[in-house]
Amino acid sequence: MLEDDEDVRSYSVEILRELGYRVLEAHDGLSALRVLDQHARVDILFTDVVLPGGMTEAQVAAHARALRPKLKVLFTTGYARNAIIHHGRLDKGVQLITKPFSFNDLAAKIRDVLDN
């Protein structure tokens, strides 16, 4: 889970762990890439759109997929929809869940991204 807001990150991690997922945490893009590099199995990168530390969500996703070509990516945002949504449509291949999200919303979206 890549999220700079500690409360949102804690909430998301709690949901994912309650669902039975093993969750790794990072607060910025560079930290997330280090975590990804240090762990053999990572199935999905769940990342906020707006990130501190000089890397955009697109850069983090690109670097992560360079390390793990089959890595699934799910973006989340509460206010920067235009970073991913253009003319009312998501960029091709982009998966998004908007904040705030419920337990059930996140559970369904994570399962959907992992299964497809």
PDB file of N, CA and C in Angstrom:
ATOM      1  N   MET A   1       0.851  -1.178   0.000  1.00  0.00           N
ATOM      2  CA  MET A   1       0.000   0.000   0.000  1.00  0.00           C
ATOM      3  C   MET A   1       0.888   1.229   0.000  1.00  0.00           C
ATOM      4  N   LEU A   2       0.797   2.007  -1.040  1.00  0.00           N
ATOM      5  CA  LEU A   2       1.557   3.250  -1.158  1.00  0.00           C
ATOM      6  C   LEU A   2       0.617   4.421  -0.954  1.00  0.00           C
ATOM      7  N   GLU A   3       0.737   5.053   0.200  1.00  0.00           N
ATOM      8  CA  GLU A   3      -0.143   6.157   0.579  1.00  0.00           C
ATOM      9  C   GLU A   3       0.599   7.042   1.558  1.00  0.00           C
ATOM     10  N   ASP A   4       0.627   8.356   1.296  1.00  0.00           N
ATOM     11  CA  ASP A   4       1.342   9.268   2.184  1.00  0.00           C
ATOM     12  C   ASP A   4       0.524   9.662   3.411  1.00  0.00           C
ATOM     13  N   ASP A   5      -0.791   9.594   3.334  1.00  0.00           N
ATOM     14  CA  ASP A   5      -1.639   9.930   4.470  1.00  0.00           C
ATOM     15  C   ASP A   5      -1.697   8.716   5.400  1.00  0.00           C
ATOM     16  N   GLU A   6      -1.133   8.863   6.575  1.00  0.00           N
ATOM     17  CA  GLU A   6      -1.021   7.730   7.495  1.00  0.00           C
ATOM     18  C   GLU A   6      -2.373   7.150   7.886  1.00  0.00           C
ATOM     19  N   ASP A   7      -3.377   8.000   8.061  1.00  0.00           N
ATOM     20  CA  ASP A   7      -4.701   7.507   8.442  1.00  0.00           C
ATOM     21  C   ASP A   7      -5.321   6.673   7.316  1.00  0.00           C
ATOM     22  N   VAL A   8      -5.221   7.157   6.095  1.00  0.00           N
ATOM     23  CA  VAL A   8      -5.768   6.425   4.951  1.00  0.00           C
ATOM     24  C   VAL A   8      -5.002   5.114   4.756  1.00  0.00           C
ATOM     25  N   ARG A   9      -3.680   5.189   4.889  1.00  0.00           N
ATOM     26  CA  ARG A   9      -2.862   3.979   4.743  1.00  0.00           C
ATOM     27  C   ARG A   9      -3.242   2.947   5.805  1.00  0.00           C
ATOM     28  N   SER A  10      -3.372   3.376   7.053  1.00  0.00           N
ATOM     29  CA  SER A  10      -3.736   2.452   8.142  1.00  0.00           C
ATOM     30  C   SER A  10      -5.104   1.826   7.908  1.00  0.00           C
ATOM     31  N   TYR A  11      -6.059   2.629   7.491  1.00  0.00           N
ATOM     32  CA  TYR A  11      -7.408   2.138   7.203  1.00  0.00           C
ATOM     33  C   TYR A  11      -7.371   1.086   6.094  1.00  0.00           C
ATOM     34  N   SER A  12      -6.664   1.398   5.018  1.00  0.00           N
ATOM     35  CA  SER A  12      -6.574   0.483   3.874  1.00  0.00           C
ATOM     36  C   SER A  12      -5.859  -0.805   4.239  1.00  0.00           C
ATOM     37  N   VAL A  13      -4.757  -0.679   4.946  1.00  0.00           N
ATOM     38  CA  VAL A  13      -3.982  -1.852   5.358  1.00  0.00           C
ATOM     39  C   VAL A  13      -4.826  -2.732   6.273  1.00  0.00           C
ATOM     40  N   GLU A  14      -5.559  -2.127   7.184  1.00  0.00           N
ATOM     41  CA  GLU A  14      -6.417  -2.891   8.097  1.00  0.00           C
ATOM     42  C   GLU A  14      -7.452  -3.695   7.316  1.00  0.00           C
ATOM     43  N   ILE A  15      -8.084  -3.071   6.339  1.00  0.00           N
ATOM     44  CA  ILE A  15      -9.072  -3.773   5.513  1.00  0.00           C
ATOM     45  C   ILE A  15      -8.418  -4.943   4.793  1.00  0.00           C
ATOM     46  N   LEU A  16      -7.307  -4.671   4.126  1.00  0.00           N
ATOM     47  CA  LEU A  16      -6.652  -5.709   3.327  1.00  0.00           C
ATOM     48  C   LEU A  16      -6.179  -6.875   4.186  1.00  0.00           C
ATOM     49  N   ARG A  17      -5.650  -6.581   5.355  1.00  0.00           N
ATOM     50  CA  ARG A  17      -5.214  -7.663   6.253  1.00  0.00           C
ATOM     51  C   ARG A  17      -6.407  -8.452   6.772  1.00  0.00           C
ATOM     52  N   GLU A  18      -7.501  -7.758   7.068  1.00  0.00           N
ATOM     53  CA  GLU A  18      -8.702  -8.452   7.522  1.00  0.00           C
ATOM     54  C   GLU A  18      -9.238  -9.384   6.432  1.00  0.00           C
ATOM     55  N   LEU A  19      -9.007  -9.018   5.179  1.00  0.00           N
ATOM     56  CA  LEU A  19      -9.414  -9.857   4.051  1.00  0.00           C
ATOM     57  C   LEU A  19      -8.449 -11.009   3.800  1.00  0.00           C
ATOM     58  N   GLY A  20      -7.336 -11.024   4.541  1.00  0.00           N
ATOM     59  CA  GLY A  20      -6.390 -12.126   4.430  1.00  0.00           C
ATOM     60  C   GLY A  20      -5.179 -11.863   3.556  1.00  0.00           C
ATOM     61  N   TYR A  21      -5.040 -10.636   3.081  1.00  0.00           N
ATOM     62  CA  TYR A  21      -3.885 -10.305   2.245  1.00  0.00           C
ATOM     63  C   TYR A  21      -2.682  -9.950   3.107  1.00  0.00           C
ATOM     64  N   ARG A  22      -1.486 -10.287   2.623  1.00  0.00           N
ATOM     65  CA  ARG A  22      -0.241  -9.828   3.247  1.00  0.00           C
ATOM     66  C   ARG A  22       0.039  -8.463   2.626  1.00  0.00           C
ATOM     67  N   VAL A  23       0.242  -7.463   3.466  1.00  0.00           N
ATOM     68  CA  VAL A  23       0.353  -6.089   2.991  1.00  0.00           C
ATOM     69  C   VAL A  23       1.693  -5.491   3.388  1.00  0.00           C
ATOM     70  N   LEU A  24       2.348  -4.881   2.406  1.00  0.00           N
ATOM     71  CA  LEU A  24       3.579  -4.126   2.630  1.00  0.00           C
ATOM     72  C   LEU A  24       3.227  -2.650   2.496  1.00  0.00           C
ATOM     73  N   GLU A  25       3.882  -1.807   3.292  1.00  0.00           N
ATOM     74  CA  GLU A  25       3.511  -0.397   3.318  1.00  0.00           C
ATOM     75  C   GLU A  25       4.665   0.498   2.905  1.00  0.00           C
ATOM     76  N   ALA A  26       4.305   1.630   2.268  1.00  0.00           N
ATOM     77  CA  ALA A  26       5.279   2.664   1.921  1.00  0.00           C
ATOM     78  C   ALA A  26       4.574   4.012   1.912  1.00  0.00           C
ATOM     79  N   HIS A  27       5.342   5.062   2.203  1.00  0.00           N
ATOM     80  CA  HIS A  27       4.767   6.406   2.261  1.00  0.00           C
ATOM     81  C   HIS A  27       5.134   7.273   1.059  1.00  0.00           C
ATOM     82  N   ASP A  28       6.073   6.831   0.224  1.00  0.00           N
ATOM     83  CA  ASP A  28       6.412   7.569  -0.993  1.00  0.00           C
ATOM     84  C   ASP A  28       6.904   6.591  -2.056  1.00  0.00           C
ATOM     85  N   GLY A  29       7.086   7.104  -3.270  1.00  0.00           N
ATOM     86  CA  GLY A  29       7.429   6.245  -4.386  1.00  0.00           C
ATOM     87  C   GLY A  29       8.740   5.501  -4.240  1.00  0.00           C
ATOM     88  N   LEU A  30       9.782   6.179  -3.797  1.00  0.00           N
ATOM     89  CA  LEU A  30      11.081   5.524  -3.639  1.00  0.00           C
ATOM     90  C   LEU A  30      11.026   4.408  -2.602  1.00  0.00           C
ATOM     91  N   SER A  31      10.333   4.666  -1.507  1.00  0.00           N
ATOM     92  CA  SER A  31      10.169   3.629  -0.480  1.00  0.00           C
ATOM     93  C   SER A  31       9.413   2.433  -1.040  1.00  0.00           C
ATOM     94  N   ALA A  32       8.389   2.685  -1.833  1.00  0.00           N
ATOM     95  CA  ALA A  32       7.613   1.598  -2.419  1.00  0.00           C
ATOM     96  C   ALA A  32       8.472   0.744  -3.344  1.00  0.00           C
ATOM     97  N   LEU A  33       9.313   1.386  -4.141  1.00  0.00           N
ATOM     98  CA  LEU A  33      10.176   0.628  -5.049  1.00  0.00           C
ATOM     99  C   LEU A  33      11.206  -0.191  -4.289  1.00  0.00           C
ATOM    100  N   ARG A  34      11.706   0.347  -3.177  1.00  0.00           N
ATOM    101  CA  ARG A  34      12.631  -0.428  -2.336  1.00  0.00           C
ATOM    102  C   ARG A  34      11.931  -1.648  -1.748  1.00  0.00           C
ATOM    103  N   VAL A  35      10.725  -1.455  -1.257  1.00  0.00           N
ATOM    104  CA  VAL A  35       9.951  -2.566  -0.692  1.00  0.00           C
ATOM    105  C   VAL A  35       9.702  -3.614  -1.766  1.00  0.00           C
ATOM    106  N   LEU A  36       9.326  -3.174  -2.939  1.00  0.00           N
ATOM    107  CA  LEU A  36       9.072  -4.098  -4.042  1.00  0.00           C
ATOM    108  C   LEU A  36      10.318  -4.892  -4.402  1.00  0.00           C
ATOM    109  N   ASP A  37      11.454  -4.230  -4.400  1.00  0.00           N
ATOM    110  CA  ASP A  37      12.718  -4.875  -4.741  1.00  0.00           C
ATOM    111  C   ASP A  37      13.142  -5.903  -3.687  1.00  0.00           C
ATOM    112  N   GLN A  38      12.722  -5.703  -2.437  1.00  0.00           N
ATOM    113  CA  GLN A  38      13.148  -6.562  -1.330  1.00  0.00           C
ATOM    114  C   GLN A  38      12.246  -7.770  -1.079  1.00  0.00           C
ATOM    115  N   HIS A  39      11.119  -7.853  -1.766  1.00  0.00           N
ATOM    116  CA  HIS A  39      10.181  -8.943  -1.516  1.00  0.00           C
ATOM    117  C   HIS A  39       9.924  -9.724  -2.794  1.00  0.00           C
ATOM    118  N   ALA A  40      10.037 -11.026  -2.684  1.00  0.00           N
ATOM    119  CA  ALA A  40       9.954 -11.894  -3.857  1.00  0.00           C
ATOM    120  C   ALA A  40       8.558 -11.901  -4.485  1.00  0.00           C
ATOM    121  N   ARG A  41       7.533 -11.868  -3.672  1.00  0.00           N
ATOM    122  CA  ARG A  41       6.181 -11.967  -4.231  1.00  0.00           C
ATOM    123  C   ARG A  41       5.350 -10.748  -3.858  1.00  0.00           C
ATOM    124  N   VAL A  42       5.003  -9.998  -4.884  1.00  0.00           N
ATOM    125  CA  VAL A  42       4.073  -8.884  -4.748  1.00  0.00           C
ATOM    126  C   VAL A  42       3.126  -8.996  -5.938  1.00  0.00           C
ATOM    127  N   ASP A  43       1.839  -9.097  -5.662  1.00  0.00           N
ATOM    128  CA  ASP A  43       0.858  -9.306  -6.722  1.00  0.00           C
ATOM    129  C   ASP A  43       0.206  -8.028  -7.216  1.00  0.00           C
ATOM    130  N   ILE A  44       0.116  -7.028  -6.328  1.00  0.00           N
ATOM    131  CA  ILE A  44      -0.582  -5.799  -6.690  1.00  0.00           C
ATOM    132  C   ILE A  44       0.060  -4.607  -5.993  1.00  0.00           C
ATOM    133  N   LEU A  45       0.140  -3.510  -6.704  1.00  0.00           N
ATOM    134  CA  LEU A  45       0.566  -2.229  -6.136  1.00  0.00           C
ATOM    135  C   LEU A  45      -0.683  -1.378  -6.008  1.00  0.00           C
ATOM    136  N   PHE A  46      -1.031  -1.026  -4.783  1.00  0.00           N
ATOM    137  CA  PHE A  46      -2.188  -0.169  -4.501  1.00  0.00           C
ATOM    138  C   PHE A  46      -1.624   1.184  -4.113  1.00  0.00           C
ATOM    139  N   THR A  47      -1.793   2.184  -4.981  1.00  0.00           N
ATOM    140  CA  THR A  47      -1.109   3.454  -4.792  1.00  0.00           C
ATOM    141  C   THR A  47      -2.021   4.659  -4.934  1.00  0.00           C
ATOM    142  N   ASP A  48      -1.758   5.642  -4.103  1.00  0.00           N
ATOM    143  CA  ASP A  48      -2.414   6.929  -4.209  1.00  0.00           C
ATOM    144  C   ASP A  48      -1.934   7.612  -5.488  1.00  0.00           C
ATOM    145  N   VAL A  49      -2.760   8.490  -6.034  1.00  0.00           N
ATOM    146  CA  VAL A  49      -2.389   9.233  -7.239  1.00  0.00           C
ATOM    147  C   VAL A  49      -1.417  10.358  -6.906  1.00  0.00           C
ATOM    148  N   VAL A  50      -1.672  11.075  -5.832  1.00  0.00           N
ATOM    149  CA  VAL A  50      -0.815  12.196  -5.450  1.00  0.00           C
ATOM    150  C   VAL A  50       0.190  11.713  -4.415  1.00  0.00           C
ATOM    151  N   LEU A  51       1.477  11.793  -4.770  1.00  0.00           N
ATOM    152  CA  LEU A  51       2.530  11.260  -3.911  1.00  0.00           C
ATOM    153  C   LEU A  51       3.585  12.311  -3.588  1.00  0.00           C
ATOM    154  N   PRO A  52       4.146  12.247  -2.390  1.00  0.00           N
ATOM    155  CA  PRO A  52       5.273  13.123  -2.060  1.00  0.00           C
ATOM    156  C   PRO A  52       6.578  12.502  -2.561  1.00  0.00           C
ATOM    157  N   GLY A  53       7.635  13.249  -2.500  1.00  0.00           N
ATOM    158  CA  GLY A  53       8.959  12.679  -2.758  1.00  0.00           C
ATOM    159  C   GLY A  53       9.446  12.768  -4.189  1.00  0.00           C
ATOM    160  N   GLY A  54       8.745  13.501  -5.043  1.00  0.00           N
ATOM    161  CA  GLY A  54       9.270  13.753  -6.371  1.00  0.00           C
ATOM    162  C   GLY A  54       8.906  12.759  -7.453  1.00  0.00           C
ATOM    163  N   MET A  55       8.230  11.668  -7.123  1.00  0.00           N
ATOM    164  CA  MET A  55       7.806  10.709  -8.145  1.00  0.00           C
ATOM    165  C   MET A  55       6.289  10.768  -8.292  1.00  0.00           C
ATOM    166  N   THR A  56       5.828  10.709  -9.531  1.00  0.00           N
ATOM    167  CA  THR A  56       4.392  10.637  -9.767  1.00  0.00           C
ATOM    168  C   THR A  56       3.939   9.192  -9.656  1.00  0.00           C
ATOM    169  N   GLU A  57       2.634   9.009  -9.554  1.00  0.00           N
ATOM    170  CA  GLU A  57       2.096   7.649  -9.501  1.00  0.00           C
ATOM    171  C   GLU A  57       2.409   6.895 -10.784  1.00  0.00           C
ATOM    172  N   ALA A  58       2.422   7.592 -11.911  1.00  0.00           N
ATOM    173  CA  ALA A  58       2.735   6.934 -13.186  1.00  0.00           C
ATOM    174  C   ALA A  58       4.190   6.473 -13.228  1.00  0.00           C
ATOM    175  N   GLN A  59       5.092   7.280 -12.689  1.00  0.00           N
ATOM    176  CA  GLN A  59       6.505   6.886 -12.646  1.00  0.00           C
ATOM    177  C   GLN A  59       6.711   5.684 -11.731  1.00  0.00           C
ATOM    178  N   VAL A  60       6.069   5.705 -10.581  1.00  0.00           N
ATOM    179  CA  VAL A  60       6.181   4.580  -9.652  1.00  0.00           C
ATOM    180  C   VAL A  60       5.647   3.309 -10.321  1.00  0.00           C
ATOM    181  N   ALA A  61       4.480   3.409 -10.941  1.00  0.00           N
ATOM    182  CA  ALA A  61       3.889   2.241 -11.604  1.00  0.00           C
ATOM    183  C   ALA A  61       4.798   1.731 -12.725  1.00  0.00           C
ATOM    184  N   ALA A  62       5.375   2.633 -13.508  1.00  0.00           N
ATOM    185  CA  ALA A  62       6.266   2.227 -14.608  1.00  0.00           C
ATOM    186  C   ALA A  62       7.515   1.527 -14.083  1.00  0.00           C
ATOM    187  N   HIS A  63       8.132   2.083 -13.049  1.00  0.00           N
ATOM    188  CA  HIS A  63       9.317   1.452 -12.453  1.00  0.00           C
ATOM    189  C   HIS A  63       8.956   0.103 -11.831  1.00  0.00           C
ATOM    190  N   ALA A  64       7.811   0.060 -11.165  1.00  0.00           N
ATOM    191  CA  ALA A  64       7.374  -1.188 -10.536  1.00  0.00           C
ATOM    192  C   ALA A  64       7.127  -2.266 -11.584  1.00  0.00           C
ATOM    193  N   ARG A  65       6.506  -1.886 -12.688  1.00  0.00           N
ATOM    194  CA  ARG A  65       6.242  -2.870 -13.753  1.00  0.00           C
ATOM    195  C   ARG A  65       7.520  -3.260 -14.491  1.00  0.00           C
ATOM    196  N   ALA A  66       8.519  -2.390 -14.489  1.00  0.00           N
ATOM    197  CA  ALA A  66       9.810  -2.773 -15.073  1.00  0.00           C
ATOM    198  C   ALA A  66      10.450  -3.874 -14.228  1.00  0.00           C
ATOM    199  N   LEU A  67      10.287  -3.777 -12.906  1.00  0.00           N
ATOM    200  CA  LEU A  67      10.795  -4.809 -12.004  1.00  0.00           C
ATOM    201  C   LEU A  67       9.939  -6.072 -12.069  1.00  0.00           C
ATOM    202  N   ARG A  68       8.648  -5.900 -12.190  1.00  0.00           N
ATOM    203  CA  ARG A  68       7.677  -7.002 -12.173  1.00  0.00           C
ATOM    204  C   ARG A  68       6.671  -6.790 -13.302  1.00  0.00           C
ATOM    205  N   PRO A  69       6.948  -7.278 -14.481  1.00  0.00           N
ATOM    206  CA  PRO A  69       6.072  -7.014 -15.638  1.00  0.00           C
ATOM    207  C   PRO A  69       4.612  -7.441 -15.460  1.00  0.00           C
ATOM    208  N   LYS A  70       4.345  -8.438 -14.630  1.00  0.00           N
ATOM    209  CA  LYS A  70       2.967  -8.914 -14.445  1.00  0.00           C
ATOM    210  C   LYS A  70       2.259  -8.260 -13.261  1.00  0.00           C
ATOM    211  N   LEU A  71       2.911  -7.291 -12.638  1.00  0.00           N
ATOM    212  CA  LEU A  71       2.351  -6.624 -11.470  1.00  0.00           C
ATOM    213  C   LEU A  71       1.060  -5.892 -11.832  1.00  0.00           C
ATOM    214  N   LYS A  72       0.029  -6.111 -11.044  1.00  0.00           N
ATOM    215  CA  LYS A  72      -1.231  -5.382 -11.194  1.00  0.00           C
ATOM    216  C   LYS A  72      -1.096  -4.080 -10.405  1.00  0.00           C
ATOM    217  N   VAL A  73      -1.754  -3.024 -10.897  1.00  0.00           N
ATOM    218  CA  VAL A  73      -1.704  -1.724 -10.222  1.00  0.00           C
ATOM    219  C   VAL A  73      -3.125  -1.202 -10.061  1.00  0.00           C
ATOM    220  N   LEU A  74      -3.431  -0.774  -8.843  1.00  0.00           N
ATOM    221  CA  LEU A  74      -4.702  -0.125  -8.533  1.00  0.00           C
ATOM    222  C   LEU A  74      -4.400   1.247  -7.954  1.00  0.00           C
ATOM    223  N   PHE A  75      -4.956   2.278  -8.594  1.00  0.00           N
ATOM    224  CA  PHE A  75      -4.775   3.642  -8.127  1.00  0.00           C
ATOM    225  C   PHE A  75      -5.960   4.052  -7.271  1.00  0.00           C
ATOM    226  N   THR A  76      -5.714   4.984  -6.363  1.00  0.00           N
ATOM    227  CA  THR A  76      -6.783   5.565  -5.569  1.00  0.00           C
ATOM    228  C   THR A  76      -6.581   7.070  -5.500  1.00  0.00           C
ATOM    229  N   THR A  77      -7.692   7.786  -5.448  1.00  0.00           N
ATOM    230  CA  THR A  77      -7.629   9.234  -5.342  1.00  0.00           C
ATOM    231  C   THR A  77      -8.910   9.767  -4.718  1.00  0.00           C
ATOM    232  N   GLY A  78      -8.761  10.875  -4.066  1.00  0.00           N
ATOM    233  CA  GLY A  78      -9.910  11.553  -3.504  1.00  0.00           C
ATOM    234  C   GLY A  78     -10.190  12.870  -4.178  1.00  0.00           C
ATOM    235  N   TYR A  79      -9.213  13.383  -4.939  1.00  0.00           N
ATOM    236  CA  TYR A  79      -9.407  14.713  -5.502  1.00  0.00           C
ATOM    237  C   TYR A  79      -8.648  14.989  -6.788  1.00  0.00           C
ATOM    238  N   ALA A  80      -7.776  14.126  -7.206  1.00  0.00           N
ATOM    239  CA  ALA A  80      -6.973  14.399  -8.402  1.00  0.00           C
ATOM    240  C   ALA A  80      -7.410  13.525  -9.571  1.00  0.00           C
ATOM    241  N   ARG A  81      -8.711  13.419  -9.759  1.00  0.00           N
ATOM    242  CA  ARG A  81      -9.235  12.537 -10.800  1.00  0.00           C
ATOM    243  C   ARG A  81      -8.672  12.859 -12.182  1.00  0.00           C
ATOM    244  N   ASN A  82      -8.386  14.121 -12.467  1.00  0.00           N
ATOM    245  CA  ASN A  82      -7.885  14.485 -13.786  1.00  0.00           C
ATOM    246  C   ASN A  82      -6.503  13.932 -14.077  1.00  0.00           C
ATOM    247  N   ALA A  83      -5.793  13.484 -13.056  1.00  0.00           N
ATOM    248  CA  ALA A  83      -4.476  12.884 -13.278  1.00  0.00           C
ATOM    249  C   ALA A  83      -4.595  11.544 -13.988  1.00  0.00           C
ATOM    250  N   ILE A  84      -5.754  10.922 -13.882  1.00  0.00           N
ATOM    251  CA  ILE A  84      -5.953   9.606 -14.482  1.00  0.00           C
ATOM    252  C   ILE A  84      -7.146   9.587 -15.423  1.00  0.00           C
ATOM    253  N   ILE A  85      -8.147  10.402 -15.160  1.00  0.00           N
ATOM    254  CA  ILE A  85      -9.366  10.398 -15.955  1.00  0.00           C
ATOM    255  C   ILE A  85      -9.335  11.569 -16.928  1.00  0.00           C
ATOM    256  N   HIS A  86      -9.541  11.267 -18.196  1.00  0.00           N
ATOM    257  CA  HIS A  86      -9.525  12.287 -19.241  1.00  0.00           C
ATOM    258  C   HIS A  86     -10.818  12.188 -20.048  1.00  0.00           C
ATOM    259  N   HIS A  87     -11.532  13.300 -20.164  1.00  0.00           N
ATOM    260  CA  HIS A  87     -12.789  13.340 -20.912  1.00  0.00           C
ATOM    261  C   HIS A  87     -13.773  12.282 -20.403  1.00  0.00           C
ATOM    262  N   GLY A  88     -13.781  12.078 -19.087  1.00  0.00           N
ATOM    263  CA  GLY A  88     -14.717  11.143 -18.484  1.00  0.00           C
ATOM    264  C   GLY A  88     -14.330   9.681 -18.578  1.00  0.00           C
ATOM    265  N   ARG A  89     -13.130   9.392 -19.093  1.00  0.00           N
ATOM    266  CA  ARG A  89     -12.689   8.004 -19.250  1.00  0.00           C
ATOM    267  C   ARG A  89     -11.341   7.785 -18.594  1.00  0.00           C
ATOM    268  N   LEU A  90     -11.175   6.572 -18.077  1.00  0.00           N
ATOM    269  CA  LEU A  90      -9.870   6.183 -17.534  1.00  0.00           C
ATOM    270  C   LEU A  90      -8.911   5.921 -18.689  1.00  0.00           C
ATOM    271  N   ASP A  91      -7.650   6.247 -18.471  1.00  0.00           N
ATOM    272  CA  ASP A  91      -6.636   5.862 -19.451  1.00  0.00           C
ATOM    273  C   ASP A  91      -6.666   4.348 -19.595  1.00  0.00           C
ATOM    274  N   LYS A  92      -6.309   3.867 -20.754  1.00  0.00           N
ATOM    275  CA  LYS A  92      -6.334   2.426 -21.027  1.00  0.00           C
ATOM    276  C   LYS A  92      -5.494   1.658 -19.997  1.00  0.00           C
ATOM    277  N   GLY A  93      -6.085   0.605 -19.454  1.00  0.00           N
ATOM    278  CA  GLY A  93      -5.377  -0.252 -18.520  1.00  0.00           C
ATOM    279  C   GLY A  93      -5.319   0.248 -17.091  1.00  0.00           C
ATOM    280  N   VAL A  94      -5.892   1.408 -16.821  1.00  0.00           N
ATOM    281  CA  VAL A  94      -5.834   1.977 -15.469  1.00  0.00           C
ATOM    282  C   VAL A  94      -7.023   1.489 -14.650  1.00  0.00           C
ATOM    283  N   GLN A  95      -6.727   1.016 -13.451  1.00  0.00           N
ATOM    284  CA  GLN A  95      -7.754   0.610 -12.490  1.00  0.00           C
ATOM    285  C   GLN A  95      -7.768   1.644 -11.373  1.00  0.00           C
ATOM    286  N   LEU A  96      -8.959   2.097 -10.986  1.00  0.00           N
ATOM    287  CA  LEU A  96      -9.093   3.186 -10.017  1.00  0.00           C
ATOM    288  C   LEU A  96     -10.219   2.908  -9.045  1.00  0.00           C
ATOM    289  N   ILE A  97      -9.966   3.228  -7.770  1.00  0.00           N
ATOM    290  CA  ILE A  97     -11.010   3.279  -6.753  1.00  0.00           C
ATOM    291  C   ILE A  97     -10.911   4.656  -6.113  1.00  0.00           C
ATOM    292  N   THR A  98     -12.048   5.333  -5.988  1.00  0.00           N
ATOM    293  CA  THR A  98     -12.029   6.683  -5.445  1.00  0.00           C
ATOM    294  C   THR A  98     -12.232   6.666  -3.929  1.00  0.00           C
ATOM    295  N   LYS A  99     -11.596   7.629  -3.282  1.00  0.00           N
ATOM    296  CA  LYS A  99     -11.744   7.820  -1.840  1.00  0.00           C
ATOM    297  C   LYS A  99     -12.908   8.778  -1.612  1.00  0.00           C
ATOM    298  N   PRO A 100     -13.612   8.610  -0.543  1.00  0.00           N
ATOM    299  CA  PRO A 100     -13.451   7.526   0.432  1.00  0.00           C
ATOM    300  C   PRO A 100     -14.089   6.249  -0.095  1.00  0.00           C
ATOM    301  N   PHE A 101     -13.510   5.125   0.262  1.00  0.00           N
ATOM    302  CA  PHE A 101     -14.067   3.838  -0.140  1.00  0.00           C
ATOM    303  C   PHE A 101     -14.411   3.042   1.107  1.00  0.00           C
ATOM    304  N   SER A 102     -15.377   2.158   0.933  1.00  0.00           N
ATOM    305  CA  SER A 102     -15.814   1.318   2.048  1.00  0.00           C
ATOM    306  C   SER A 102     -15.028   0.009   2.050  1.00  0.00           C
ATOM    307  N   PHE A 103     -15.170  -0.737   3.106  1.00  0.00           N
ATOM    308  CA  PHE A 103     -14.584  -2.067   3.217  1.00  0.00           C
ATOM    309  C   PHE A 103     -14.992  -2.908   2.000  1.00  0.00           C
ATOM    310  N   ASN A 104     -16.301  -2.951   1.731  1.00  0.00           N
ATOM    311  CA  ASN A 104     -16.810  -3.778   0.637  1.00  0.00           C
ATOM    312  C   ASN A 104     -16.332  -3.289  -0.724  1.00  0.00           C
ATOM    313  N   ASP A 105     -16.270  -1.978  -0.903  1.00  0.00           N
ATOM    314  CA  ASP A 105     -15.780  -1.423  -2.174  1.00  0.00           C
ATOM    315  C   ASP A 105     -14.333  -1.848  -2.428  1.00  0.00           C
ATOM    316  N   LEU A 106     -13.488  -1.707  -1.407  1.00  0.00           N
ATOM    317  CA  LEU A 106     -12.081  -2.068  -1.572  1.00  0.00           C
ATOM    318  C   LEU A 106     -11.924  -3.571  -1.767  1.00  0.00           C
ATOM    319  N   ALA A 107     -12.658  -4.349  -1.008  1.00  0.00           N
ATOM    320  CA  ALA A 107     -12.578  -5.808  -1.149  1.00  0.00           C
ATOM    321  C   ALA A 107     -12.925  -6.231  -2.575  1.00  0.00           C
ATOM    322  N   ALA A 108     -14.002  -5.678  -3.113  1.00  0.00           N
ATOM    323  CA  ALA A 108     -14.438  -6.049  -4.462  1.00  0.00           C
ATOM    324  C   ALA A 108     -13.449  -5.573  -5.524  1.00  0.00           C
ATOM    325  N   LYS A 109     -12.943  -4.364  -5.369  1.00  0.00           N
ATOM    326  CA  LYS A 109     -12.033  -3.820  -6.385  1.00  0.00           C
ATOM    327  C   LYS A 109     -10.701  -4.560  -6.394  1.00  0.00           C
ATOM    328  N   ILE A 110     -10.144  -4.839  -5.240  1.00  0.00           N
ATOM    329  CA  ILE A 110      -8.881  -5.589  -5.170  1.00  0.00           C
ATOM    330  C   ILE A 110      -9.058  -6.962  -5.821  1.00  0.00           C
ATOM    331  N   ARG A 111     -10.150  -7.648  -5.480  1.00  0.00           N
ATOM    332  CA  ARG A 111     -10.404  -8.971  -6.056  1.00  0.00           C
ATOM    333  C   ARG A 111     -10.532  -8.882  -7.573  1.00  0.00           C
ATOM    334  N   ASP A 112     -11.263  -7.867  -8.050  1.00  0.00           N
ATOM    335  CA  ASP A 112     -11.449  -7.679  -9.483  1.00  0.00           C
ATOM    336  C   ASP A 112     -10.126  -7.444 -10.203  1.00  0.00           C
ATOM    337  N   VAL A 113      -9.279  -6.595  -9.658  1.00  0.00           N
ATOM    338  CA  VAL A 113      -7.980  -6.306 -10.285  1.00  0.00           C
ATOM    339  C   VAL A 113      -7.095  -7.554 -10.277  1.00  0.00           C
ATOM    340  N   LEU A 114      -7.081  -8.268  -9.183  1.00  0.00           N
ATOM    341  CA  LEU A 114      -6.237  -9.478  -9.112  1.00  0.00           C
ATOM    342  C   LEU A 114      -6.727 -10.568 -10.069  1.00  0.00           C
ATOM    343  N   ASP A 115      -8.033 -10.656 -10.256  1.00  0.00           N
ATOM    344  CA  ASP A 115      -8.594 -11.711 -11.093  1.00  0.00           C
ATOM    345  C   ASP A 115      -8.527 -11.410 -12.586  1.00  0.00           C
ATOM    346  N   ASN A 116      -8.355 -10.170 -12.956  1.00  0.00           N
ATOM    347  CA  ASN A 116      -8.366  -9.802 -14.380  1.00  0.00           C
ATOM    348  C   ASN A 116      -7.012  -9.371 -14.881  1.00  0.00           C
TER     349      ASN A 116
END
